[in-house]
């Protein structure tokens, strides 16, 4: 039994090392520029097949990285949604989209790579679909968030609604990645904290959704 426990602990430690190395390399270089061999080396694994052994394909590895972060973000979002109840304030619901992400990034400390990893994978349509599926799986908060947002939004044409939804996702991902990169490089940042960064994002996203729609005759 002791040998089995020790073996399980070793497997778990190896998986965590591989996940951490892959997340960092994907964030810094891009998913398609990183080979499994490089991930194994960065994780201190002499076996070049370690990634395939523990995760399967690169897509499976990306899913595992996304899943690793999805749970704490989900917990934070559910907590915020419970706190605002049936709020009719658009800002409250936008905050539920933004703050669970920025709070998780703050909790990760510096340096972190999660925001830059998400920015990399969302730039690729196929990988974006993979991570979107992973975040949606077992996420009751996303349905409640969308329902709350829809109750507060002005009436918009379907194509404008879809466009602004995409803009919202890109703002959160890209601005978080920019701050994460600056912190890792010890470079100046526009905002002093992740909390203030969230404030700026919420201001911009609320204004985005409430912006007028140009209608061509």
N, C-alpha and C. Protein backbone atom coordinates (compact mmCIF):
# COMPACT_ATOMS: atom_id res chain seq x y z
N UNK A 1 0.82 -1.22 0.00
CA UNK A 1 0.00 0.00 0.00
C UNK A 1 0.86 1.26 0.00
N UNK A 2 1.93 1.25 0.81
CA UNK A 2 2.82 2.41 0.87
C UNK A 2 3.48 2.66 -0.48
N UNK A 3 3.90 1.56 -1.13
CA UNK A 3 4.53 1.71 -2.44
C UNK A 3 3.56 2.29 -3.46
N UNK A 4 2.31 1.85 -3.38
CA UNK A 4 1.30 2.37 -4.32
C UNK A 4 1.02 3.84 -4.06
N UNK A 5 0.96 4.22 -2.77
CA UNK A 5 0.74 5.63 -2.43
C UNK A 5 1.89 6.49 -2.93
N UNK A 6 3.10 6.00 -2.73
CA UNK A 6 4.28 6.74 -3.20
C UNK A 6 4.27 6.87 -4.72
N UNK A 7 3.87 5.80 -5.40
CA UNK A 7 3.79 5.84 -6.86
C UNK A 7 2.74 6.84 -7.31
N UNK A 8 1.59 6.85 -6.66
CA UNK A 8 0.52 7.81 -7.01
C UNK A 8 0.99 9.24 -6.80
N UNK A 9 1.72 9.48 -5.72
CA UNK A 9 2.24 10.82 -5.45
C UNK A 9 3.24 11.24 -6.51
N UNK A 10 4.07 10.30 -6.95
CA UNK A 10 5.05 10.61 -7.99
C UNK A 10 4.36 10.94 -9.32
N UNK A 11 3.34 10.16 -9.64
CA UNK A 11 2.59 10.41 -10.88
C UNK A 11 1.92 11.78 -10.82
N UNK A 12 1.31 12.10 -9.67
CA UNK A 12 0.66 13.40 -9.52
C UNK A 12 1.66 14.54 -9.64
N UNK A 13 2.83 14.38 -9.03
CA UNK A 13 3.86 15.42 -9.10
C UNK A 13 4.36 15.60 -10.53
N UNK A 14 4.51 14.50 -11.25
CA UNK A 14 4.96 14.56 -12.64
C UNK A 14 3.92 15.29 -13.50
N UNK A 15 2.66 14.94 -13.32
CA UNK A 15 1.59 15.59 -14.09
C UNK A 15 1.57 17.10 -13.82
N UNK A 16 1.70 17.49 -12.56
CA UNK A 16 1.69 18.91 -12.22
C UNK A 16 2.89 19.63 -12.83
N UNK A 17 4.05 18.98 -12.81
CA UNK A 17 5.24 19.58 -13.41
C UNK A 17 5.07 19.76 -14.91
N UNK A 18 4.50 18.77 -15.57
CA UNK A 18 4.26 18.86 -17.01
C UNK A 18 3.24 19.94 -17.33
N UNK A 19 2.17 20.02 -16.53
CA UNK A 19 1.16 21.06 -16.75
C UNK A 19 1.76 22.44 -16.60
N UNK A 20 2.55 22.63 -15.56
CA UNK A 20 3.16 23.94 -15.34
C UNK A 20 4.13 24.32 -16.44
N UNK A 21 4.95 23.36 -16.86
CA UNK A 21 5.91 23.64 -17.94
C UNK A 21 5.19 23.94 -19.24
N UNK A 22 4.16 23.16 -19.55
CA UNK A 22 3.42 23.37 -20.81
C UNK A 22 2.73 24.73 -20.80
N UNK A 23 2.10 25.07 -19.70
CA UNK A 23 1.41 26.36 -19.62
C UNK A 23 2.39 27.52 -19.85
N UNK A 24 3.55 27.44 -19.22
CA UNK A 24 4.55 28.51 -19.37
C UNK A 24 5.06 28.58 -20.81
N UNK A 25 5.41 27.45 -21.38
CA UNK A 25 5.96 27.45 -22.74
C UNK A 25 4.91 27.88 -23.77
N UNK A 26 3.68 27.39 -23.62
CA UNK A 26 2.62 27.80 -24.53
C UNK A 26 2.39 29.31 -24.43
N UNK A 27 2.41 29.83 -23.21
CA UNK A 27 2.17 31.25 -22.99
C UNK A 27 3.26 32.10 -23.62
N UNK A 28 4.50 31.65 -23.49
CA UNK A 28 5.63 32.45 -23.94
C UNK A 28 5.91 32.31 -25.44
N UNK A 29 5.66 31.11 -26.01
CA UNK A 29 6.09 30.85 -27.38
C UNK A 29 4.94 30.57 -28.35
N UNK A 30 3.76 30.25 -27.81
CA UNK A 30 2.65 29.84 -28.66
C UNK A 30 2.55 28.33 -28.69
N UNK A 31 1.35 27.83 -28.81
CA UNK A 31 1.10 26.39 -28.71
C UNK A 31 1.82 25.63 -29.82
N UNK A 32 1.74 26.12 -31.05
CA UNK A 32 2.26 25.35 -32.18
C UNK A 32 3.79 25.40 -32.28
N UNK A 33 4.42 26.28 -31.51
CA UNK A 33 5.88 26.39 -31.56
C UNK A 33 6.55 25.49 -30.52
N UNK A 34 5.76 24.80 -29.71
CA UNK A 34 6.31 24.01 -28.61
C UNK A 34 6.08 22.52 -28.87
N UNK A 35 7.14 21.74 -28.80
CA UNK A 35 7.05 20.29 -28.98
C UNK A 35 6.93 19.60 -27.62
N UNK A 36 6.36 18.41 -27.63
CA UNK A 36 6.25 17.65 -26.38
C UNK A 36 7.61 17.41 -25.72
N UNK A 37 8.62 17.22 -26.54
CA UNK A 37 9.97 17.01 -26.01
C UNK A 37 10.43 18.20 -25.17
N UNK A 38 10.13 19.42 -25.66
CA UNK A 38 10.52 20.62 -24.93
C UNK A 38 9.78 20.74 -23.60
N UNK A 39 8.52 20.32 -23.59
CA UNK A 39 7.75 20.35 -22.35
C UNK A 39 8.34 19.38 -21.34
N UNK A 40 8.67 18.18 -21.80
CA UNK A 40 9.26 17.17 -20.91
C UNK A 40 10.57 17.67 -20.33
N UNK A 41 11.41 18.28 -21.16
CA UNK A 41 12.70 18.80 -20.69
C UNK A 41 12.49 19.90 -19.67
N UNK A 42 11.55 20.82 -19.94
CA UNK A 42 11.31 21.94 -19.03
C UNK A 42 10.75 21.46 -17.70
N UNK A 43 10.05 20.31 -17.72
CA UNK A 43 9.48 19.75 -16.49
C UNK A 43 10.47 18.85 -15.76
N UNK A 44 11.68 18.72 -16.30
CA UNK A 44 12.69 17.89 -15.66
C UNK A 44 12.48 16.41 -15.87
N UNK A 45 11.82 16.04 -16.94
CA UNK A 45 11.53 14.64 -17.25
C UNK A 45 12.48 14.14 -18.34
N UNK A 46 13.19 13.08 -18.04
CA UNK A 46 14.12 12.54 -19.02
C UNK A 46 13.43 11.81 -20.16
N UNK A 47 12.20 11.38 -19.93
CA UNK A 47 11.46 10.63 -20.95
C UNK A 47 10.74 11.61 -21.87
N UNK A 48 11.11 11.65 -23.13
CA UNK A 48 10.48 12.57 -24.08
C UNK A 48 9.02 12.23 -24.35
N UNK A 49 8.61 11.02 -24.01
CA UNK A 49 7.23 10.61 -24.22
C UNK A 49 6.35 10.87 -23.01
N UNK A 50 6.85 11.61 -22.02
CA UNK A 50 6.11 11.81 -20.77
C UNK A 50 4.78 12.50 -21.01
N UNK A 51 4.75 13.50 -21.90
CA UNK A 51 3.50 14.22 -22.15
C UNK A 51 2.45 13.28 -22.73
N UNK A 52 2.86 12.50 -23.73
CA UNK A 52 1.92 11.56 -24.34
C UNK A 52 1.45 10.51 -23.35
N UNK A 53 2.34 10.05 -22.50
CA UNK A 53 2.00 9.03 -21.52
C UNK A 53 0.96 9.54 -20.52
N UNK A 54 1.14 10.76 -20.04
CA UNK A 54 0.29 11.28 -18.97
C UNK A 54 -0.98 11.98 -19.48
N UNK A 55 -0.93 12.51 -20.70
CA UNK A 55 -2.07 13.30 -21.17
C UNK A 55 -2.65 12.87 -22.51
N UNK A 56 -1.90 12.17 -23.32
CA UNK A 56 -2.37 11.80 -24.64
C UNK A 56 -1.90 12.81 -25.67
N UNK A 57 -2.82 13.46 -26.34
CA UNK A 57 -2.47 14.42 -27.39
C UNK A 57 -2.23 15.80 -26.81
N UNK A 58 -1.71 16.68 -27.64
CA UNK A 58 -1.51 18.06 -27.21
C UNK A 58 -2.85 18.74 -26.88
N UNK A 59 -3.89 18.39 -27.62
CA UNK A 59 -5.23 18.93 -27.33
C UNK A 59 -5.68 18.51 -25.94
N UNK A 60 -5.42 17.25 -25.57
CA UNK A 60 -5.76 16.76 -24.24
C UNK A 60 -4.99 17.53 -23.17
N UNK A 61 -3.74 17.86 -23.47
CA UNK A 61 -2.93 18.64 -22.54
C UNK A 61 -3.50 20.04 -22.37
N UNK A 62 -3.91 20.65 -23.46
CA UNK A 62 -4.51 21.99 -23.39
C UNK A 62 -5.80 21.95 -22.56
N UNK A 63 -6.60 20.91 -22.77
CA UNK A 63 -7.82 20.75 -21.97
C UNK A 63 -7.48 20.66 -20.47
N UNK A 64 -6.44 19.91 -20.16
CA UNK A 64 -6.06 19.72 -18.76
C UNK A 64 -5.60 21.03 -18.13
N UNK A 65 -4.88 21.85 -18.88
CA UNK A 65 -4.45 23.15 -18.36
C UNK A 65 -5.67 24.04 -18.11
N UNK A 66 -6.58 24.08 -19.08
CA UNK A 66 -7.78 24.89 -18.92
C UNK A 66 -8.60 24.42 -17.73
N UNK A 67 -8.74 23.09 -17.58
CA UNK A 67 -9.53 22.53 -16.48
C UNK A 67 -8.91 22.89 -15.13
N UNK A 68 -7.60 22.94 -15.08
CA UNK A 68 -6.90 23.26 -13.83
C UNK A 68 -7.29 24.63 -13.30
N UNK A 69 -7.57 25.57 -14.20
CA UNK A 69 -7.92 26.93 -13.78
C UNK A 69 -9.42 27.17 -13.75
N UNK A 70 -10.17 26.35 -14.46
CA UNK A 70 -11.61 26.60 -14.58
C UNK A 70 -12.32 26.51 -13.23
N UNK A 71 -11.91 25.58 -12.40
CA UNK A 71 -12.62 25.36 -11.13
C UNK A 71 -12.55 26.57 -10.20
N UNK A 72 -11.36 27.14 -9.91
CA UNK A 72 -11.35 28.32 -9.03
C UNK A 72 -12.08 29.52 -9.62
N UNK A 73 -12.02 29.69 -10.94
CA UNK A 73 -12.77 30.79 -11.57
C UNK A 73 -14.27 30.55 -11.42
N UNK A 74 -14.69 29.32 -11.60
CA UNK A 74 -16.11 28.97 -11.44
C UNK A 74 -16.59 29.23 -10.02
N UNK A 75 -15.80 28.85 -9.05
CA UNK A 75 -16.17 29.07 -7.63
C UNK A 75 -16.32 30.56 -7.36
N UNK A 76 -15.38 31.36 -7.85
CA UNK A 76 -15.46 32.79 -7.65
C UNK A 76 -16.66 33.42 -8.32
N UNK A 77 -16.97 32.95 -9.53
CA UNK A 77 -18.11 33.51 -10.26
C UNK A 77 -19.43 33.16 -9.58
N UNK A 78 -19.57 31.92 -9.13
CA UNK A 78 -20.79 31.52 -8.43
C UNK A 78 -20.97 32.34 -7.15
N UNK A 79 -19.88 32.57 -6.44
CA UNK A 79 -19.96 33.38 -5.22
C UNK A 79 -20.46 34.79 -5.53
N UNK A 80 -19.95 35.39 -6.58
CA UNK A 80 -20.36 36.75 -6.95
C UNK A 80 -21.81 36.78 -7.41
N UNK A 81 -22.22 35.78 -8.19
CA UNK A 81 -23.59 35.75 -8.69
C UNK A 81 -24.58 35.60 -7.53
N UNK A 82 -24.24 34.75 -6.57
CA UNK A 82 -25.10 34.61 -5.40
C UNK A 82 -25.21 35.93 -4.65
N UNK A 83 -24.12 36.68 -4.59
CA UNK A 83 -24.11 37.93 -3.83
C UNK A 83 -24.97 39.01 -4.47
N UNK A 84 -25.04 39.05 -5.82
CA UNK A 84 -25.80 40.13 -6.45
C UNK A 84 -27.27 39.76 -6.66
N UNK A 85 -27.61 38.50 -6.50
CA UNK A 85 -29.01 38.08 -6.60
C UNK A 85 -29.63 38.41 -7.94
N UNK A 86 -30.76 39.12 -7.92
CA UNK A 86 -31.48 39.48 -9.14
C UNK A 86 -31.20 40.91 -9.58
N UNK A 87 -29.98 41.35 -9.40
CA UNK A 87 -29.61 42.72 -9.74
C UNK A 87 -30.01 43.07 -11.17
N UNK A 88 -30.48 44.30 -11.34
CA UNK A 88 -30.80 44.81 -12.67
C UNK A 88 -29.73 45.79 -13.16
N UNK A 89 -28.59 45.80 -12.49
CA UNK A 89 -27.49 46.71 -12.82
C UNK A 89 -26.50 45.97 -13.73
N UNK A 90 -26.35 46.45 -14.95
CA UNK A 90 -25.44 45.81 -15.91
C UNK A 90 -24.04 45.70 -15.34
N UNK A 91 -23.59 46.71 -14.61
CA UNK A 91 -22.24 46.69 -14.07
C UNK A 91 -22.02 45.50 -13.13
N UNK A 92 -23.04 45.14 -12.36
CA UNK A 92 -22.90 43.99 -11.47
C UNK A 92 -22.62 42.71 -12.25
N UNK A 93 -23.32 42.53 -13.36
CA UNK A 93 -23.16 41.31 -14.14
C UNK A 93 -21.86 41.30 -14.93
N UNK A 94 -21.44 42.45 -15.42
CA UNK A 94 -20.14 42.52 -16.09
C UNK A 94 -19.03 42.20 -15.09
N UNK A 95 -19.18 42.68 -13.86
CA UNK A 95 -18.19 42.37 -12.82
C UNK A 95 -18.07 40.87 -12.60
N UNK A 96 -19.19 40.16 -12.72
CA UNK A 96 -19.17 38.70 -12.55
C UNK A 96 -18.41 38.01 -13.68
N UNK A 97 -18.30 38.67 -14.81
CA UNK A 97 -17.50 38.13 -15.92
C UNK A 97 -16.02 38.44 -15.75
N UNK A 98 -15.72 39.57 -15.11
CA UNK A 98 -14.34 40.06 -15.05
C UNK A 98 -13.61 39.64 -13.77
N UNK A 99 -14.20 39.93 -12.64
CA UNK A 99 -13.47 39.80 -11.37
C UNK A 99 -13.05 38.37 -11.02
N UNK A 100 -13.83 37.34 -11.30
CA UNK A 100 -13.33 36.00 -11.00
C UNK A 100 -12.02 35.68 -11.73
N UNK A 101 -11.86 36.23 -12.92
CA UNK A 101 -10.62 36.01 -13.68
C UNK A 101 -9.47 36.78 -13.06
N UNK A 102 -9.68 38.07 -12.81
CA UNK A 102 -8.58 38.88 -12.25
C UNK A 102 -8.23 38.46 -10.83
N UNK A 103 -9.21 38.02 -10.06
CA UNK A 103 -8.92 37.54 -8.70
C UNK A 103 -8.11 36.25 -8.75
N UNK A 104 -8.42 35.39 -9.70
CA UNK A 104 -7.64 34.15 -9.85
C UNK A 104 -6.22 34.48 -10.26
N UNK A 105 -6.04 35.40 -11.17
CA UNK A 105 -4.70 35.78 -11.60
C UNK A 105 -3.91 36.39 -10.44
N UNK A 106 -4.56 37.19 -9.63
CA UNK A 106 -3.88 37.76 -8.46
C UNK A 106 -3.46 36.65 -7.50
N UNK A 107 -4.34 35.66 -7.31
CA UNK A 107 -4.03 34.56 -6.40
C UNK A 107 -2.86 33.71 -6.91
N UNK A 108 -2.66 33.66 -8.21
CA UNK A 108 -1.55 32.86 -8.77
C UNK A 108 -0.20 33.48 -8.44
N UNK A 109 -0.17 34.77 -8.18
CA UNK A 109 1.10 35.44 -7.88
C UNK A 109 1.86 35.78 -9.15
N UNK A 110 3.09 36.27 -8.95
CA UNK A 110 3.93 36.69 -10.07
C UNK A 110 5.27 35.96 -9.99
N UNK A 111 5.73 35.37 -11.11
CA UNK A 111 5.08 35.38 -12.42
C UNK A 111 3.99 34.32 -12.52
N UNK A 112 3.03 34.58 -13.39
CA UNK A 112 2.04 33.59 -13.76
C UNK A 112 1.96 33.57 -15.28
N UNK A 113 1.31 32.55 -15.82
CA UNK A 113 1.26 32.39 -17.28
C UNK A 113 -0.15 32.13 -17.80
N UNK A 114 -1.09 32.02 -16.90
CA UNK A 114 -2.44 31.62 -17.31
C UNK A 114 -3.07 32.59 -18.30
N UNK A 115 -3.00 33.89 -18.05
CA UNK A 115 -3.63 34.86 -18.95
C UNK A 115 -3.00 34.82 -20.33
N UNK A 116 -1.69 34.68 -20.38
CA UNK A 116 -1.01 34.62 -21.68
C UNK A 116 -1.30 33.29 -22.38
N UNK A 117 -1.46 32.23 -21.63
CA UNK A 117 -1.87 30.95 -22.21
C UNK A 117 -3.24 31.09 -22.87
N UNK A 118 -4.19 31.69 -22.16
CA UNK A 118 -5.53 31.87 -22.71
C UNK A 118 -5.49 32.76 -23.95
N UNK A 119 -4.68 33.82 -23.91
CA UNK A 119 -4.57 34.70 -25.07
C UNK A 119 -4.02 33.94 -26.28
N UNK A 120 -3.09 33.03 -26.05
CA UNK A 120 -2.51 32.25 -27.14
C UNK A 120 -3.55 31.28 -27.72
N UNK A 121 -4.25 30.56 -26.88
CA UNK A 121 -5.16 29.54 -27.41
C UNK A 121 -6.41 30.16 -28.02
N UNK A 122 -6.84 31.31 -27.51
CA UNK A 122 -8.03 31.94 -28.09
C UNK A 122 -7.74 32.60 -29.42
N UNK A 123 -6.47 32.77 -29.75
CA UNK A 123 -6.12 33.32 -31.06
C UNK A 123 -6.26 32.27 -32.17
N UNK A 124 -6.40 31.01 -31.80
CA UNK A 124 -6.54 29.92 -32.76
C UNK A 124 -7.98 29.40 -32.68
N UNK A 125 -8.75 29.46 -33.77
CA UNK A 125 -10.17 29.07 -33.70
C UNK A 125 -10.40 27.66 -33.17
N UNK A 126 -9.57 26.70 -33.59
CA UNK A 126 -9.76 25.32 -33.14
C UNK A 126 -9.47 25.19 -31.65
N UNK A 127 -8.38 25.81 -31.21
CA UNK A 127 -8.02 25.73 -29.79
C UNK A 127 -9.01 26.53 -28.94
N UNK A 128 -9.50 27.62 -29.48
CA UNK A 128 -10.52 28.41 -28.76
C UNK A 128 -11.76 27.57 -28.50
N UNK A 129 -12.16 26.78 -29.46
CA UNK A 129 -13.32 25.91 -29.29
C UNK A 129 -13.06 24.87 -28.20
N UNK A 130 -11.84 24.34 -28.15
CA UNK A 130 -11.49 23.34 -27.15
C UNK A 130 -11.60 23.93 -25.74
N UNK A 131 -11.00 25.10 -25.54
CA UNK A 131 -11.03 25.70 -24.21
C UNK A 131 -12.44 26.18 -23.85
N UNK A 132 -13.19 26.65 -24.84
CA UNK A 132 -14.57 27.08 -24.56
C UNK A 132 -15.40 25.90 -24.07
N UNK A 133 -15.22 24.75 -24.68
CA UNK A 133 -15.93 23.54 -24.25
C UNK A 133 -15.53 23.17 -22.82
N UNK A 134 -14.25 23.30 -22.52
CA UNK A 134 -13.78 22.92 -21.19
C UNK A 134 -14.35 23.85 -20.12
N UNK A 135 -14.41 25.15 -20.42
CA UNK A 135 -14.94 26.09 -19.44
C UNK A 135 -16.45 25.95 -19.29
N UNK A 136 -17.12 25.57 -20.37
CA UNK A 136 -18.57 25.43 -20.31
C UNK A 136 -18.99 24.15 -19.59
N UNK A 137 -18.16 23.14 -19.65
CA UNK A 137 -18.49 21.85 -19.03
C UNK A 137 -18.58 22.01 -17.52
N UNK A 138 -19.71 21.64 -16.97
CA UNK A 138 -19.90 21.73 -15.52
C UNK A 138 -19.85 23.14 -14.99
N UNK A 139 -20.31 24.11 -15.78
CA UNK A 139 -20.25 25.51 -15.36
C UNK A 139 -21.64 26.11 -15.27
N UNK A 140 -22.35 25.90 -14.17
CA UNK A 140 -23.66 26.52 -14.03
C UNK A 140 -23.60 28.04 -13.98
N UNK A 141 -22.44 28.57 -13.61
CA UNK A 141 -22.34 30.03 -13.49
C UNK A 141 -22.45 30.72 -14.85
N UNK A 142 -21.99 30.08 -15.93
CA UNK A 142 -22.00 30.73 -17.22
C UNK A 142 -23.43 30.96 -17.72
N UNK A 143 -24.29 29.97 -17.51
CA UNK A 143 -25.69 30.14 -17.91
C UNK A 143 -26.35 31.26 -17.11
N UNK A 144 -26.12 31.28 -15.81
CA UNK A 144 -26.71 32.32 -14.97
C UNK A 144 -26.15 33.69 -15.30
N UNK A 145 -24.86 33.74 -15.62
CA UNK A 145 -24.25 35.01 -16.01
C UNK A 145 -24.87 35.55 -17.29
N UNK A 146 -25.03 34.69 -18.28
CA UNK A 146 -25.62 35.12 -19.55
C UNK A 146 -27.04 35.59 -19.36
N UNK A 147 -27.82 34.88 -18.55
CA UNK A 147 -29.20 35.28 -18.29
C UNK A 147 -29.25 36.64 -17.60
N UNK A 148 -28.37 36.86 -16.64
CA UNK A 148 -28.33 38.14 -15.95
C UNK A 148 -27.93 39.28 -16.86
N UNK A 149 -26.93 39.04 -17.69
CA UNK A 149 -26.51 40.06 -18.65
C UNK A 149 -27.65 40.41 -19.61
N UNK A 150 -28.30 39.38 -20.12
CA UNK A 150 -29.37 39.61 -21.10
C UNK A 150 -30.51 40.44 -20.53
N UNK A 151 -30.79 40.29 -19.25
CA UNK A 151 -31.86 41.07 -18.63
C UNK A 151 -31.52 42.55 -18.56
N UNK A 152 -30.23 42.87 -18.55
CA UNK A 152 -29.80 44.25 -18.36
C UNK A 152 -29.39 44.96 -19.65
N UNK A 153 -29.21 44.19 -20.72
CA UNK A 153 -28.69 44.78 -21.95
C UNK A 153 -29.78 45.50 -22.73
N UNK A 154 -29.39 46.57 -23.43
CA UNK A 154 -30.35 47.18 -24.35
C UNK A 154 -30.66 46.21 -25.48
N UNK A 155 -31.76 46.43 -26.15
CA UNK A 155 -32.12 45.56 -27.27
C UNK A 155 -31.16 45.81 -28.42
N UNK A 156 -30.51 44.75 -28.86
CA UNK A 156 -29.50 44.87 -29.90
C UNK A 156 -29.78 43.87 -31.00
N UNK A 157 -29.45 44.22 -32.26
CA UNK A 157 -29.52 43.21 -33.32
C UNK A 157 -28.65 42.01 -32.97
N UNK A 158 -29.05 40.84 -33.43
CA UNK A 158 -28.34 39.61 -33.06
C UNK A 158 -26.87 39.66 -33.43
N UNK A 159 -26.57 40.24 -34.61
CA UNK A 159 -25.17 40.27 -35.04
C UNK A 159 -24.34 41.23 -34.18
N UNK A 160 -24.96 42.31 -33.71
CA UNK A 160 -24.26 43.26 -32.84
C UNK A 160 -24.04 42.63 -31.46
N UNK A 161 -25.03 41.92 -30.97
CA UNK A 161 -24.90 41.23 -29.69
C UNK A 161 -23.75 40.23 -29.75
N UNK A 162 -23.68 39.44 -30.81
CA UNK A 162 -22.60 38.47 -30.95
C UNK A 162 -21.24 39.15 -31.05
N UNK A 163 -21.19 40.24 -31.79
CA UNK A 163 -19.94 40.98 -31.97
C UNK A 163 -19.45 41.55 -30.64
N UNK A 164 -20.35 42.13 -29.88
CA UNK A 164 -19.94 42.73 -28.61
C UNK A 164 -19.59 41.66 -27.58
N UNK A 165 -20.22 40.51 -27.68
CA UNK A 165 -19.81 39.40 -26.82
C UNK A 165 -18.38 38.99 -27.10
N UNK A 166 -18.02 38.92 -28.38
CA UNK A 166 -16.65 38.57 -28.76
C UNK A 166 -15.67 39.65 -28.30
N UNK A 167 -16.07 40.92 -28.44
CA UNK A 167 -15.22 42.01 -27.98
C UNK A 167 -14.98 41.92 -26.47
N UNK A 168 -16.03 41.58 -25.74
CA UNK A 168 -15.91 41.45 -24.29
C UNK A 168 -14.89 40.38 -23.93
N UNK A 169 -15.00 39.22 -24.56
CA UNK A 169 -14.07 38.13 -24.28
C UNK A 169 -12.64 38.52 -24.61
N UNK A 170 -12.46 39.21 -25.75
CA UNK A 170 -11.11 39.61 -26.15
C UNK A 170 -10.54 40.65 -25.20
N UNK A 171 -11.35 41.58 -24.75
CA UNK A 171 -10.86 42.60 -23.81
C UNK A 171 -10.36 41.95 -22.53
N UNK A 172 -11.16 41.04 -21.98
CA UNK A 172 -10.76 40.39 -20.74
C UNK A 172 -9.47 39.60 -20.94
N UNK A 173 -9.42 38.82 -22.01
CA UNK A 173 -8.25 37.96 -22.25
C UNK A 173 -7.00 38.78 -22.55
N UNK A 174 -7.11 39.72 -23.47
CA UNK A 174 -5.91 40.44 -23.92
C UNK A 174 -5.39 41.42 -22.88
N UNK A 175 -6.27 42.14 -22.20
CA UNK A 175 -5.80 43.08 -21.19
C UNK A 175 -5.23 42.36 -19.98
N UNK A 176 -5.80 41.21 -19.64
CA UNK A 176 -5.23 40.41 -18.55
C UNK A 176 -3.85 39.90 -18.95
N UNK A 177 -3.71 39.46 -20.19
CA UNK A 177 -2.42 38.97 -20.67
C UNK A 177 -1.37 40.08 -20.68
N UNK A 178 -1.78 41.28 -21.08
CA UNK A 178 -0.83 42.39 -21.10
C UNK A 178 -0.32 42.71 -19.70
N UNK A 179 -1.22 42.73 -18.73
CA UNK A 179 -0.79 43.02 -17.36
C UNK A 179 0.09 41.90 -16.82
N UNK A 180 -0.30 40.66 -17.06
CA UNK A 180 0.49 39.53 -16.59
C UNK A 180 1.90 39.58 -17.16
N UNK A 181 2.00 39.90 -18.45
CA UNK A 181 3.32 39.99 -19.10
C UNK A 181 4.15 41.11 -18.49
N UNK A 182 3.53 42.26 -18.27
CA UNK A 182 4.25 43.39 -17.69
C UNK A 182 4.74 43.07 -16.28
N UNK A 183 3.91 42.41 -15.48
CA UNK A 183 4.32 42.05 -14.13
C UNK A 183 5.49 41.06 -14.17
N UNK A 184 5.43 40.09 -15.07
CA UNK A 184 6.51 39.11 -15.19
C UNK A 184 7.82 39.78 -15.60
N UNK A 185 7.71 40.83 -16.42
CA UNK A 185 8.90 41.54 -16.91
C UNK A 185 9.30 42.70 -16.00
N UNK A 186 8.57 42.87 -14.88
CA UNK A 186 8.82 43.99 -13.97
C UNK A 186 8.74 45.33 -14.69
N UNK A 187 7.77 45.43 -15.60
CA UNK A 187 7.56 46.64 -16.39
C UNK A 187 6.38 47.44 -15.82
N UNK A 188 6.29 48.74 -16.16
CA UNK A 188 5.18 49.55 -15.65
C UNK A 188 3.83 49.03 -16.14
N UNK A 189 2.80 49.21 -15.33
CA UNK A 189 1.44 48.82 -15.69
C UNK A 189 0.51 50.02 -15.55
N UNK A 190 -0.52 50.11 -16.38
CA UNK A 190 -1.45 51.25 -16.30
C UNK A 190 -2.18 51.32 -14.96
N UNK A 191 -2.45 50.17 -14.36
CA UNK A 191 -3.19 50.10 -13.10
C UNK A 191 -2.30 49.50 -12.03
N UNK A 192 -2.51 49.93 -10.79
CA UNK A 192 -1.63 49.52 -9.69
C UNK A 192 -1.90 48.11 -9.20
N UNK A 193 -3.07 47.56 -9.45
CA UNK A 193 -3.43 46.26 -8.90
C UNK A 193 -4.39 45.54 -9.84
N UNK A 194 -4.56 44.23 -9.60
CA UNK A 194 -5.55 43.48 -10.37
C UNK A 194 -6.96 44.00 -10.08
N UNK A 195 -7.21 44.44 -8.86
CA UNK A 195 -8.53 45.00 -8.54
C UNK A 195 -8.81 46.23 -9.40
N UNK A 196 -7.82 47.12 -9.51
CA UNK A 196 -8.00 48.32 -10.33
C UNK A 196 -8.09 47.97 -11.81
N UNK A 197 -7.35 46.96 -12.22
CA UNK A 197 -7.44 46.49 -13.61
C UNK A 197 -8.85 46.04 -13.92
N UNK A 198 -9.46 45.30 -12.98
CA UNK A 198 -10.85 44.87 -13.15
C UNK A 198 -11.78 46.07 -13.26
N UNK A 199 -11.55 47.09 -12.45
CA UNK A 199 -12.39 48.29 -12.53
C UNK A 199 -12.35 48.88 -13.93
N UNK A 200 -11.15 49.00 -14.49
CA UNK A 200 -11.02 49.56 -15.83
C UNK A 200 -11.70 48.71 -16.88
N UNK A 201 -11.55 47.40 -16.77
CA UNK A 201 -12.22 46.51 -17.71
C UNK A 201 -13.73 46.60 -17.60
N UNK A 202 -14.24 46.64 -16.39
CA UNK A 202 -15.69 46.73 -16.20
C UNK A 202 -16.22 48.04 -16.78
N UNK A 203 -15.53 49.15 -16.52
CA UNK A 203 -15.94 50.44 -17.10
C UNK A 203 -16.04 50.34 -18.62
N UNK A 204 -15.00 49.79 -19.23
CA UNK A 204 -14.94 49.73 -20.70
C UNK A 204 -16.01 48.79 -21.26
N UNK A 205 -16.23 47.66 -20.62
CA UNK A 205 -17.19 46.68 -21.14
C UNK A 205 -18.62 47.16 -20.98
N UNK A 206 -18.91 47.82 -19.86
CA UNK A 206 -20.26 48.40 -19.70
C UNK A 206 -20.51 49.43 -20.79
N UNK A 207 -19.53 50.29 -21.04
CA UNK A 207 -19.67 51.31 -22.09
C UNK A 207 -19.82 50.66 -23.46
N UNK A 208 -19.10 49.58 -23.69
CA UNK A 208 -19.18 48.85 -24.95
C UNK A 208 -20.61 48.36 -25.21
N UNK A 209 -21.21 47.74 -24.21
CA UNK A 209 -22.55 47.20 -24.39
C UNK A 209 -23.61 48.29 -24.51
N UNK A 210 -23.35 49.44 -23.93
CA UNK A 210 -24.34 50.53 -23.97
C UNK A 210 -24.09 51.50 -25.12
N UNK A 211 -23.07 51.26 -25.92
CA UNK A 211 -22.75 52.15 -27.03
C UNK A 211 -23.87 52.12 -28.08
N UNK A 212 -24.08 53.24 -28.76
CA UNK A 212 -25.12 53.26 -29.81
C UNK A 212 -24.74 52.35 -30.97
N UNK A 213 -25.73 51.98 -31.73
CA UNK A 213 -25.53 51.14 -32.91
C UNK A 213 -25.74 51.97 -34.16
N UNK A 214 -24.75 52.02 -35.03
CA UNK A 214 -24.89 52.76 -36.28
C UNK A 214 -25.73 51.96 -37.24
N UNK A 215 -26.78 52.56 -37.74
CA UNK A 215 -27.67 51.86 -38.66
C UNK A 215 -27.59 52.55 -40.03
N UNK A 216 -27.21 51.78 -41.03
CA UNK A 216 -27.13 52.33 -42.38
C UNK A 216 -28.50 52.28 -43.05
N UNK A 217 -28.85 53.33 -43.73
CA UNK A 217 -30.15 53.37 -44.45
C UNK A 217 -30.02 52.61 -45.77
